[in-house]
Amino acid sequence: MKRNAIAATAALLIGLGTLAMAPTAKAAGLKCAGADGKSACTAAQVDDLNRGIATGRRMHQPLTMVKEVTLGPSGTLQCTQTNGSACTDDQLSAVMAVAASTHSAAVEIRITKSTDKSRRM
């Protein structure tokens, strides 16, 4: 019995270590620009993106846990999961897919993903 408890604890710690190493939005980020590619996105464009995310949850599995995307400094987008943590790389990719399919010609937005190479393993 004690041996099983030790094995279960070891498996849990190994699993937690694996989860801690998973890439998150801290290692990658999104930058949002208007149609000209230079000006930052507006709050209205980010609101449209959030509506697209809510609609896209049925089509994109990674979006089910995305709470919202907010506009940060200098046109960056900050993606938050429903549990309060930063979005994963898969979730950021899904947000980009939604952005590509939800904008209209009048309200075009450009989203690019950047990666912090100093945090890669």
C-alpha atoms as a PDB file:
ATOM      1  CA  MET A   1       0.000   0.000   0.000  1.00  0.00           C
ATOM      2  CA  LYS A   2       2.782   2.408   0.932  1.00  0.00           C
ATOM      3  CA  ARG A   3       4.656   1.484  -2.240  1.00  0.00           C
ATOM      4  CA  ASN A   4       1.567   2.301  -4.348  1.00  0.00           C
ATOM      5  CA  ALA A   5       1.228   5.689  -2.652  1.00  0.00           C
ATOM      6  CA  ILE A   6       4.868   6.503  -3.363  1.00  0.00           C
ATOM      7  CA  ALA A   7       4.494   5.443  -7.018  1.00  0.00           C
ATOM      8  CA  ALA A   8       1.330   7.521  -7.400  1.00  0.00           C
ATOM      9  CA  THR A   9       3.041  10.544  -5.843  1.00  0.00           C
ATOM     10  CA  ALA A  10       6.037  10.157  -8.155  1.00  0.00           C
ATOM     11  CA  ALA A  11       3.769   9.892 -11.211  1.00  0.00           C
ATOM     12  CA  LEU A  12       1.887  13.002 -10.119  1.00  0.00           C
ATOM     13  CA  LEU A  13       5.093  15.001  -9.663  1.00  0.00           C
ATOM     14  CA  ILE A  14       6.406  13.902 -13.053  1.00  0.00           C
ATOM     15  CA  GLY A  15       3.077  14.876 -14.628  1.00  0.00           C
ATOM     16  CA  LEU A  16       3.142  18.282 -12.942  1.00  0.00           C
ATOM     17  CA  GLY A  17       6.682  18.842 -14.149  1.00  0.00           C
ATOM     18  CA  THR A  18       5.583  18.085 -17.700  1.00  0.00           C
ATOM     19  CA  LEU A  19       2.684  20.514 -17.405  1.00  0.00           C
ATOM     20  CA  ALA A  20       4.954  23.225 -16.047  1.00  0.00           C
ATOM     21  CA  MET A  21       7.164  22.915 -19.125  1.00  0.00           C
ATOM     22  CA  ALA A  22       4.315  23.237 -21.632  1.00  0.00           C
ATOM     23  CA  PRO A  23       4.594  26.330 -23.836  1.00  0.00           C
ATOM     24  CA  THR A  24       2.274  29.155 -22.861  1.00  0.00           C
ATOM     25  CA  ALA A  25       1.575  32.699 -23.959  1.00  0.00           C
ATOM     26  CA  LYS A  26       4.522  33.793 -21.840  1.00  0.00           C
ATOM     27  CA  ALA A  27       6.727  32.215 -24.507  1.00  0.00           C
ATOM     28  CA  ALA A  28       4.661  33.509 -27.430  1.00  0.00           C
ATOM     29  CA  GLY A  29       2.539  36.547 -27.942  1.00  0.00           C
ATOM     30  CA  LEU A  30       0.166  38.087 -30.426  1.00  0.00           C
ATOM     31  CA  LYS A  31       0.544  41.479 -32.016  1.00  0.00           C
ATOM     32  CA  CYS A  32      -2.494  43.087 -33.573  1.00  0.00           C
ATOM     33  CA  ALA A  33      -2.396  45.757 -36.269  1.00  0.00           C
ATOM     34  CA  GLY A  34      -4.985  47.508 -38.362  1.00  0.00           C
ATOM     35  CA  ALA A  35      -5.418  47.158 -42.110  1.00  0.00           C
ATOM     36  CA  ASP A  36      -2.354  49.332 -42.767  1.00  0.00           C
ATOM     37  CA  GLY A  37      -0.174  46.919 -40.791  1.00  0.00           C
ATOM     38  CA  LYS A  38       1.252  49.752 -38.680  1.00  0.00           C
ATOM     39  CA  SER A  39      -1.440  51.147 -36.397  1.00  0.00           C
ATOM     40  CA  ALA A  40      -2.519  49.137 -33.368  1.00  0.00           C
ATOM     41  CA  CYS A  41      -5.917  47.442 -33.294  1.00  0.00           C
ATOM     42  CA  THR A  42      -8.786  49.355 -31.796  1.00  0.00           C
ATOM     43  CA  ALA A  43     -10.937  48.257 -28.871  1.00  0.00           C
ATOM     44  CA  ALA A  44     -13.830  47.729 -31.304  1.00  0.00           C
ATOM     45  CA  GLN A  45     -11.711  45.344 -33.398  1.00  0.00           C
ATOM     46  CA  VAL A  46     -10.751  43.369 -30.296  1.00  0.00           C
ATOM     47  CA  ASP A  47     -14.432  43.209 -29.302  1.00  0.00           C
ATOM     48  CA  ASP A  48     -15.207  41.778 -32.764  1.00  0.00           C
ATOM     49  CA  LEU A  49     -12.430  39.226 -32.247  1.00  0.00           C
ATOM     50  CA  ASN A  50     -13.890  38.188 -28.872  1.00  0.00           C
ATOM     51  CA  ARG A  51     -17.300  37.688 -30.510  1.00  0.00           C
ATOM     52  CA  GLY A  52     -15.604  35.558 -33.150  1.00  0.00           C
ATOM     53  CA  ILE A  53     -13.891  33.504 -30.445  1.00  0.00           C
ATOM     54  CA  ALA A  54     -17.234  32.898 -28.712  1.00  0.00           C
ATOM     55  CA  THR A  55     -18.733  31.745 -32.007  1.00  0.00           C
ATOM     56  CA  GLY A  56     -15.643  29.740 -32.992  1.00  0.00           C
ATOM     57  CA  ARG A  57     -15.680  27.565 -29.875  1.00  0.00           C
ATOM     58  CA  ARG A  58     -17.826  25.050 -31.749  1.00  0.00           C
ATOM     59  CA  MET A  59     -15.275  24.739 -34.560  1.00  0.00           C
ATOM     60  CA  HIS A  60     -11.937  25.135 -32.766  1.00  0.00           C
ATOM     61  CA  GLN A  61     -11.375  22.849 -29.755  1.00  0.00           C
ATOM     62  CA  PRO A  62      -8.569  25.015 -28.242  1.00  0.00           C
ATOM     63  CA  LEU A  63     -10.994  27.951 -27.934  1.00  0.00           C
ATOM     64  CA  THR A  64     -13.255  26.189 -25.424  1.00  0.00           C
ATOM     65  CA  MET A  65     -11.072  27.359 -22.527  1.00  0.00           C
ATOM     66  CA  VAL A  66     -10.330  30.877 -23.865  1.00  0.00           C
ATOM     67  CA  LYS A  67     -12.052  33.488 -21.716  1.00  0.00           C
ATOM     68  CA  GLU A  68     -11.089  36.635 -23.612  1.00  0.00           C
ATOM     69  CA  VAL A  69      -8.513  38.541 -25.572  1.00  0.00           C
ATOM     70  CA  THR A  70      -7.687  42.047 -24.392  1.00  0.00           C
ATOM     71  CA  LEU A  71      -5.724  44.843 -25.979  1.00  0.00           C
ATOM     72  CA  GLY A  72      -2.372  45.403 -24.326  1.00  0.00           C
ATOM     73  CA  PRO A  73       0.308  48.055 -24.839  1.00  0.00           C
ATOM     74  CA  SER A  74       1.618  48.783 -28.356  1.00  0.00           C
ATOM     75  CA  GLY A  75      -0.970  46.608 -30.085  1.00  0.00           C
ATOM     76  CA  THR A  76      -0.235  43.405 -28.219  1.00  0.00           C
ATOM     77  CA  LEU A  77      -3.091  41.035 -27.457  1.00  0.00           C
ATOM     78  CA  GLN A  78      -3.300  39.340 -24.095  1.00  0.00           C
ATOM     79  CA  CYS A  79      -5.170  36.052 -24.153  1.00  0.00           C
ATOM     80  CA  THR A  80      -6.634  34.671 -20.923  1.00  0.00           C
ATOM     81  CA  GLN A  81      -8.080  31.230 -20.216  1.00  0.00           C
ATOM     82  CA  THR A  82     -11.216  30.689 -18.135  1.00  0.00           C
ATOM     83  CA  ASN A  83      -9.019  29.630 -15.183  1.00  0.00           C
ATOM     84  CA  GLY A  84      -7.108  32.930 -15.319  1.00  0.00           C
ATOM     85  CA  SER A  85      -3.861  31.616 -16.779  1.00  0.00           C
ATOM     86  CA  ALA A  86      -2.294  32.701 -20.056  1.00  0.00           C
ATOM     87  CA  CYS A  87      -3.390  30.975 -23.254  1.00  0.00           C
ATOM     88  CA  THR A  88      -1.356  28.130 -24.711  1.00  0.00           C
ATOM     89  CA  ASP A  89       0.353  28.207 -28.086  1.00  0.00           C
ATOM     90  CA  ASP A  90      -2.465  26.095 -29.585  1.00  0.00           C
ATOM     91  CA  GLN A  91      -5.032  28.561 -28.273  1.00  0.00           C
ATOM     92  CA  LEU A  92      -3.094  31.500 -29.736  1.00  0.00           C
ATOM     93  CA  SER A  93      -3.032  29.752 -33.112  1.00  0.00           C
ATOM     94  CA  ALA A  94      -6.803  29.206 -32.902  1.00  0.00           C
ATOM     95  CA  VAL A  95      -7.311  32.901 -32.052  1.00  0.00           C
ATOM     96  CA  MET A  96      -5.304  33.780 -35.174  1.00  0.00           C
ATOM     97  CA  ALA A  97      -7.487  31.451 -37.271  1.00  0.00           C
ATOM     98  CA  VAL A  98     -10.625  33.122 -35.922  1.00  0.00           C
ATOM     99  CA  ALA A  99      -9.216  36.580 -36.640  1.00  0.00           C
ATOM    100  CA  ALA A 100      -8.442  35.587 -40.225  1.00  0.00           C
ATOM    101  CA  SER A 101     -11.998  34.411 -40.809  1.00  0.00           C
ATOM    102  CA  THR A 102     -14.043  37.007 -38.898  1.00  0.00           C
ATOM    103  CA  HIS A 103     -12.856  40.366 -40.159  1.00  0.00           C
ATOM    104  CA  SER A 104     -14.658  42.275 -42.872  1.00  0.00           C
ATOM    105  CA  ALA A 105     -12.909  44.271 -45.566  1.00  0.00           C
ATOM    106  CA  ALA A 106     -13.753  47.510 -43.753  1.00  0.00           C
ATOM    107  CA  VAL A 107     -12.374  46.323 -40.417  1.00  0.00           C
ATOM    108  CA  GLU A 108      -9.390  44.231 -41.443  1.00  0.00           C
ATOM    109  CA  ILE A 109      -6.979  43.296 -38.682  1.00  0.00           C
ATOM    110  CA  ARG A 110      -3.618  41.609 -38.935  1.00  0.00           C
ATOM    111  CA  ILE A 111      -2.442  39.340 -36.144  1.00  0.00           C
ATOM    112  CA  THR A 112       1.062  37.963 -35.976  1.00  0.00           C
ATOM    113  CA  LYS A 113       2.556  35.576 -33.458  1.00  0.00           C
ATOM    114  CA  SER A 114       5.958  36.257 -31.969  1.00  0.00           C
ATOM    115  CA  THR A 115       8.032  33.804 -29.994  1.00  0.00           C
ATOM    116  CA  ASP A 116      10.432  34.629 -27.202  1.00  0.00           C
ATOM    117  CA  LYS A 117      13.355  32.425 -28.249  1.00  0.00           C
ATOM    118  CA  SER A 118      15.161  32.929 -24.935  1.00  0.00           C
ATOM    119  CA  ARG A 119      12.473  30.810 -23.217  1.00  0.00           C
ATOM    120  CA  ARG A 120      12.533  27.884 -25.625  1.00  0.00           C
ATOM    121  CA  MET A 121      13.870  24.555 -24.464  1.00  0.00           C
END
